[in-house]
Amino acid sequence: MKVKNSLRSLKNRHRECRVVRRKGRVYVINKTHRRFKARQG
């Protein structure tokens, strides 16, 4: 999982990426390709 300051560019890497808020943190998740995971902060 990557830790980035800005997740907008990571969301555009694949068309199934979703930006999700969990426990005060922002995540990028992808159900089909698990390697596109990222967390903000």
PDB file of N, CA and C in Angstrom:
ATOM      1  N   MET A   1       0.847  -1.189   0.000  1.00  0.00           N
ATOM      2  CA  MET A   1       0.000   0.000   0.000  1.00  0.00           C
ATOM      3  C   MET A   1       0.883   1.240   0.000  1.00  0.00           C
ATOM      4  N   LYS A   2       0.555   2.187  -0.855  1.00  0.00           N
ATOM      5  CA  LYS A   2       1.305   3.424  -0.922  1.00  0.00           C
ATOM      6  C   LYS A   2       0.684   4.446   0.025  1.00  0.00           C
ATOM      7  N   VAL A   3       1.533   5.297   0.583  1.00  0.00           N
ATOM      8  CA  VAL A   3       1.076   6.405   1.416  1.00  0.00           C
ATOM      9  C   VAL A   3       1.445   7.681   0.683  1.00  0.00           C
ATOM     10  N   LYS A   4       0.414   8.456   0.311  1.00  0.00           N
ATOM     11  CA  LYS A   4       0.625   9.634  -0.523  1.00  0.00           C
ATOM     12  C   LYS A   4      -0.054  10.844   0.094  1.00  0.00           C
ATOM     13  N   ASN A   5       0.406  12.026  -0.323  1.00  0.00           N
ATOM     14  CA  ASN A   5      -0.262  13.252   0.122  1.00  0.00           C
ATOM     15  C   ASN A   5      -1.516  13.532  -0.681  1.00  0.00           C
ATOM     16  N   SER A   6      -1.478  13.217  -1.974  1.00  0.00           N
ATOM     17  CA  SER A   6      -2.630  13.466  -2.837  1.00  0.00           C
ATOM     18  C   SER A   6      -3.020  12.162  -3.509  1.00  0.00           C
ATOM     19  N   LEU A   7      -4.289  11.809  -3.412  1.00  0.00           N
ATOM     20  CA  LEU A   7      -4.763  10.536  -3.963  1.00  0.00           C
ATOM     21  C   LEU A   7      -5.450  10.709  -5.312  1.00  0.00           C
ATOM     22  N   ARG A   8      -5.547  11.942  -5.806  1.00  0.00           N
ATOM     23  CA  ARG A   8      -6.285  12.144  -7.049  1.00  0.00           C
ATOM     24  C   ARG A   8      -5.597  11.468  -8.226  1.00  0.00           C
ATOM     25  N   SER A   9      -4.258  11.531  -8.256  1.00  0.00           N
ATOM     26  CA  SER A   9      -3.535  10.895  -9.366  1.00  0.00           C
ATOM     27  C   SER A   9      -3.610   9.379  -9.273  1.00  0.00           C
ATOM     28  N   LEU A  10      -3.654   8.849  -8.045  1.00  0.00           N
ATOM     29  CA  LEU A  10      -3.729   7.390  -7.901  1.00  0.00           C
ATOM     30  C   LEU A  10      -5.104   6.860  -8.281  1.00  0.00           C
ATOM     31  N   LYS A  11      -6.122   7.692  -8.103  1.00  0.00           N
ATOM     32  CA  LYS A  11      -7.462   7.251  -8.491  1.00  0.00           C
ATOM     33  C   LYS A  11      -7.584   7.087 -10.000  1.00  0.00           C
ATOM     34  N   ASN A  12      -6.801   7.857 -10.759  1.00  0.00           N
ATOM     35  CA  ASN A  12      -6.902   7.817 -12.209  1.00  0.00           C
ATOM     36  C   ASN A  12      -6.059   6.718 -12.838  1.00  0.00           C
ATOM     37  N   ARG A  13      -5.381   5.914 -12.034  1.00  0.00           N
ATOM     38  CA  ARG A  13      -4.548   4.854 -12.599  1.00  0.00           C
ATOM     39  C   ARG A  13      -5.381   3.727 -13.189  1.00  0.00           C
ATOM     40  N   HIS A  14      -6.572   3.516 -12.632  1.00  0.00           N
ATOM     41  CA  HIS A  14      -7.426   2.434 -13.114  1.00  0.00           C
ATOM     42  C   HIS A  14      -8.868   2.898 -12.992  1.00  0.00           C
ATOM     43  N   ARG A  15      -9.732   2.385 -13.860  1.00  0.00           N
ATOM     44  CA  ARG A  15     -11.097   2.905 -13.878  1.00  0.00           C
ATOM     45  C   ARG A  15     -11.955   2.377 -12.739  1.00  0.00           C
ATOM     46  N   GLU A  16     -11.516   1.331 -12.033  1.00  0.00           N
ATOM     47  CA  GLU A  16     -12.309   0.797 -10.922  1.00  0.00           C
ATOM     48  C   GLU A  16     -11.811   1.241  -9.559  1.00  0.00           C
ATOM     49  N   CYS A  17     -10.910   2.201  -9.521  1.00  0.00           N
ATOM     50  CA  CYS A  17     -10.421   2.698  -8.235  1.00  0.00           C
ATOM     51  C   CYS A  17     -11.494   3.550  -7.571  1.00  0.00           C
ATOM     52  N   ARG A  18     -11.639   3.368  -6.257  1.00  0.00           N
ATOM     53  CA  ARG A  18     -12.601   4.130  -5.485  1.00  0.00           C
ATOM     54  C   ARG A  18     -11.880   4.820  -4.346  1.00  0.00           C
ATOM     55  N   VAL A  19     -12.325   6.032  -4.023  1.00  0.00           N
ATOM     56  CA  VAL A  19     -11.797   6.768  -2.880  1.00  0.00           C
ATOM     57  C   VAL A  19     -12.789   6.604  -1.733  1.00  0.00           C
ATOM     58  N   VAL A  20     -12.297   6.059  -0.603  1.00  0.00           N
ATOM     59  CA  VAL A  20     -13.162   5.702   0.522  1.00  0.00           C
ATOM     60  C   VAL A  20     -12.587   6.327   1.782  1.00  0.00           C
ATOM     61  N   ARG A  21     -13.481   6.840   2.644  1.00  0.00           N
ATOM     62  CA  ARG A  21     -13.050   7.347   3.948  1.00  0.00           C
ATOM     63  C   ARG A  21     -13.344   6.300   5.005  1.00  0.00           C
ATOM     64  N   ARG A  22     -12.316   5.919   5.761  1.00  0.00           N
ATOM     65  CA  ARG A  22     -12.487   4.965   6.856  1.00  0.00           C
ATOM     66  C   ARG A  22     -11.676   5.449   8.046  1.00  0.00           C
ATOM     67  N   LYS A  23     -12.360   5.628   9.166  1.00  0.00           N
ATOM     68  CA  LYS A  23     -11.720   5.980  10.440  1.00  0.00           C
ATOM     69  C   LYS A  23     -10.873   7.243  10.315  1.00  0.00           C
ATOM     70  N   GLY A  24     -11.401   8.224   9.567  1.00  0.00           N
ATOM     71  CA  GLY A  24     -10.708   9.485   9.425  1.00  0.00           C
ATOM     72  C   GLY A  24      -9.579   9.494   8.421  1.00  0.00           C
ATOM     73  N   ARG A  25      -9.315   8.386   7.762  1.00  0.00           N
ATOM     74  CA  ARG A  25      -8.288   8.315   6.749  1.00  0.00           C
ATOM     75  C   ARG A  25      -8.924   8.095   5.392  1.00  0.00           C
ATOM     76  N   VAL A  26      -8.231   8.532   4.360  1.00  0.00           N
ATOM     77  CA  VAL A  26      -8.741   8.419   3.001  1.00  0.00           C
ATOM     78  C   VAL A  26      -7.960   7.318   2.303  1.00  0.00           C
ATOM     79  N   TYR A  27      -8.683   6.382   1.708  1.00  0.00           N
ATOM     80  CA  TYR A  27      -8.070   5.241   1.047  1.00  0.00           C
ATOM     81  C   TYR A  27      -8.489   5.186  -0.412  1.00  0.00           C
ATOM     82  N   VAL A  28      -7.614   4.630  -1.235  1.00  0.00           N
ATOM     83  CA  VAL A  28      -7.977   4.259  -2.600  1.00  0.00           C
ATOM     84  C   VAL A  28      -7.981   2.740  -2.634  1.00  0.00           C
ATOM     85  N   ILE A  29      -9.119   2.153  -3.014  1.00  0.00           N
ATOM     86  CA  ILE A  29      -9.234   0.696  -3.069  1.00  0.00           C
ATOM     87  C   ILE A  29      -9.670   0.288  -4.459  1.00  0.00           C
ATOM     88  N   ASN A  30      -9.328  -0.943  -4.811  1.00  0.00           N
ATOM     89  CA  ASN A  30      -9.703  -1.502  -6.106  1.00  0.00           C
ATOM     90  C   ASN A  30      -9.972  -2.983  -5.895  1.00  0.00           C
ATOM     91  N   LYS A  31     -11.194  -3.399  -6.195  1.00  0.00           N
ATOM     92  CA  LYS A  31     -11.577  -4.782  -5.917  1.00  0.00           C
ATOM     93  C   LYS A  31     -10.953  -5.763  -6.906  1.00  0.00           C
ATOM     94  N   THR A  32     -10.786  -5.344  -8.160  1.00  0.00           N
ATOM     95  CA  THR A  32     -10.299  -6.295  -9.159  1.00  0.00           C
ATOM     96  C   THR A  32      -8.780  -6.370  -9.181  1.00  0.00           C
ATOM     97  N   HIS A  33      -8.102  -5.211  -9.079  1.00  0.00           N
ATOM     98  CA  HIS A  33      -6.638  -5.201  -9.065  1.00  0.00           C
ATOM     99  C   HIS A  33      -6.201  -4.690  -7.702  1.00  0.00           C
ATOM    100  N   ARG A  34      -5.782  -5.610  -6.831  1.00  0.00           N
ATOM    101  CA  ARG A  34      -5.496  -5.266  -5.448  1.00  0.00           C
ATOM    102  C   ARG A  34      -4.234  -4.425  -5.295  1.00  0.00           C
ATOM    103  N   ARG A  35      -3.426  -4.329  -6.359  1.00  0.00           N
ATOM    104  CA  ARG A  35      -2.174  -3.571  -6.200  1.00  0.00           C
ATOM    105  C   ARG A  35      -2.413  -2.072  -6.199  1.00  0.00           C
ATOM    106  N   PHE A  36      -3.585  -1.613  -6.608  1.00  0.00           N
ATOM    107  CA  PHE A  36      -3.867  -0.173  -6.605  1.00  0.00           C
ATOM    108  C   PHE A  36      -4.480   0.229  -5.269  1.00  0.00           C
ATOM    109  N   LYS A  37      -3.676   0.104  -4.217  1.00  0.00           N
ATOM    110  CA  LYS A  37      -4.146   0.500  -2.903  1.00  0.00           C
ATOM    111  C   LYS A  37      -3.284   1.660  -2.416  1.00  0.00           C
ATOM    112  N   ALA A  38      -3.927   2.620  -1.740  1.00  0.00           N
ATOM    113  CA  ALA A  38      -3.173   3.756  -1.236  1.00  0.00           C
ATOM    114  C   ALA A  38      -3.910   4.337  -0.028  1.00  0.00           C
ATOM    115  N   ARG A  39      -3.116   5.014   0.804  1.00  0.00           N
ATOM    116  CA  ARG A  39      -3.664   5.680   1.983  1.00  0.00           C
ATOM    117  C   ARG A  39      -3.105   7.088   2.019  1.00  0.00           C
ATOM    118  N   GLN A  40      -3.914   8.034   2.505  1.00  0.00           N
ATOM    119  CA  GLN A  40      -3.458   9.415   2.579  1.00  0.00           C
ATOM    120  C   GLN A  40      -2.900   9.723   3.954  1.00  0.00           C
ATOM    121  N   GLY A  41      -1.811  10.546   3.986  1.00  0.00           N
ATOM    122  CA  GLY A  41      -1.257  10.980   5.254  1.00  0.00           C
ATOM    123  C   GLY A  41      -0.028  10.233   5.676  1.00  0.00           C
TER     124      GLY A  41
END
